[in-house]
Protein backbone atom coordinates (compact mmCIF):
# COMPACT_ATOMS: atom_id res chain seq x y z
CA MET A 1 -64.93 43.62 0.16
CA ALA A 2 -65.95 39.96 0.38
CA GLN A 3 -63.92 37.56 2.46
CA VAL A 4 -63.33 34.04 1.11
CA ASN A 5 -63.93 31.16 3.50
CA PRO A 6 -63.02 27.75 2.00
CA GLU A 7 -64.87 25.93 4.83
CA PHE A 8 -68.14 27.74 4.10
CA ILE A 9 -69.49 24.91 1.95
CA ASP A 10 -68.92 22.50 4.85
CA GLU A 11 -70.98 24.80 7.07
CA VAL A 12 -73.84 24.85 4.54
CA LYS A 13 -73.91 21.11 3.91
CA ARG A 14 -76.49 19.16 5.82
CA PRO A 15 -76.51 15.39 6.12
CA GLY A 16 -77.63 15.35 2.49
CA GLU A 17 -75.36 16.33 -0.36
CA PHE A 18 -75.02 19.95 -1.45
CA ASN A 19 -74.38 19.13 -5.11
CA ALA A 20 -73.94 22.65 -6.43
CA SER A 21 -70.57 21.76 -7.92
CA ALA A 22 -72.45 19.87 -10.65
CA CYS A 23 -73.88 23.20 -11.88
CA MET A 24 -72.67 24.04 -15.40
CA ASN A 25 -73.86 27.67 -15.26
CA CYS A 26 -76.01 27.07 -18.34
CA GLY A 27 -78.75 29.41 -17.11
CA VAL A 28 -81.71 27.08 -17.67
CA CYS A 29 -82.72 27.44 -14.00
CA THR A 30 -82.87 31.19 -14.31
CA ALA A 31 -84.78 31.04 -17.58
CA VAL A 32 -87.56 28.81 -16.22
CA CYS A 33 -87.92 30.42 -12.77
CA GLU A 34 -91.57 31.34 -12.22
CA MET A 35 -90.50 34.07 -9.81
CA GLY A 36 -88.03 35.57 -12.27
CA ILE A 37 -85.28 35.33 -9.67
CA GLU A 38 -82.10 35.97 -11.58
CA LEU A 39 -79.69 35.19 -8.78
CA LEU A 40 -80.87 31.71 -7.97
CA PRO A 41 -79.36 29.29 -8.19
CA ARG A 42 -76.30 29.51 -10.40
CA LYS A 43 -74.67 32.63 -8.94
CA LEU A 44 -75.74 31.81 -5.40
CA PHE A 45 -74.31 28.29 -5.52
CA ARG A 46 -71.09 29.64 -7.01
CA TYR A 47 -70.76 31.98 -4.01
CA VAL A 48 -71.06 28.97 -1.70
CA LEU A 49 -68.52 26.95 -3.66
CA LEU A 50 -66.09 29.86 -3.65
CA GLY A 51 -66.64 30.43 0.07
CA ILE A 52 -68.03 33.95 -0.27
CA LYS A 53 -70.35 33.83 2.73
CA ASP A 54 -71.04 37.59 2.73
CA LYS A 55 -72.52 37.43 -0.78
CA VAL A 56 -74.77 34.55 0.26
CA LEU A 57 -75.99 36.38 3.35
CA GLU A 58 -76.60 39.56 1.31
CA ASN A 59 -79.14 37.52 -0.65
CA THR A 60 -81.08 36.05 2.27
CA GLU A 61 -84.31 37.63 1.04
CA THR A 62 -83.83 36.06 -2.39
CA ILE A 63 -83.12 32.66 -0.83
CA TYR A 64 -86.43 32.84 1.01
CA SER A 65 -88.25 34.13 -2.09
CA CYS A 66 -87.73 30.82 -3.87
CA LEU A 67 -90.98 28.84 -3.97
CA LEU A 68 -89.17 25.48 -4.07
CA CYS A 69 -91.45 24.54 -6.97
CA LYS A 70 -88.60 22.55 -8.57
CA MET A 71 -89.30 23.93 -12.05
CA CYS A 72 -85.60 24.73 -12.27
CA GLU A 73 -84.62 21.33 -10.93
CA VAL A 74 -86.66 19.25 -13.39
CA ASN A 75 -85.18 21.25 -16.27
CA CYS A 76 -81.58 21.14 -15.03
CA PRO A 77 -79.38 19.23 -17.51
CA ALA A 78 -76.80 18.57 -14.75
CA ASN A 79 -79.39 17.12 -12.33
CA VAL A 80 -78.49 19.58 -9.59
CA HIS A 81 -80.75 19.17 -6.55
CA ILE A 82 -81.59 22.86 -6.55
CA ALA A 83 -84.52 22.78 -4.11
CA GLU A 84 -82.55 20.72 -1.59
CA ASN A 85 -79.57 23.06 -1.96
CA VAL A 86 -81.84 26.06 -1.28
CA ARG A 87 -83.24 24.24 1.75
CA SER A 88 -79.67 23.70 2.97
CA LEU A 89 -78.99 27.42 2.65
CA ARG A 90 -82.18 28.24 4.55
CA TYR A 91 -81.23 25.77 7.26
CA TYR A 92 -77.78 27.38 7.52
CA ILE A 93 -79.25 30.88 7.73
CA ASN A 94 -81.80 29.83 10.36
CA LYS A 95 -79.15 28.10 12.42
CA LYS A 96 -76.21 30.51 12.11
CA VAL A 97 -77.82 33.88 11.52
CA TYR A 98 -81.17 33.72 13.30
CA ASN A 99 -80.08 31.15 15.95
CA LEU A 100 -83.25 29.11 15.46
């Protein structure tokens, strides 16, 4: 059972903006992903926005599988900063989970 944490998005945000709320869930990012990663970014960002930290942490391997090529970002009709959002998640995981 996943626990909802409304402050989770504040923990993930870095000095830059985590603009996942602009995501329209259109699926373009998933369709153009060179890695064929189905989870990123639309479901993953939704987990952050909903405060479902456990679901995000369950997908740590997927978060680090992203090549940050920005193919999804340049095709995003909502101009979501997908690569920067993924970097924010990695930063959070490194800081909070791995204590780096």
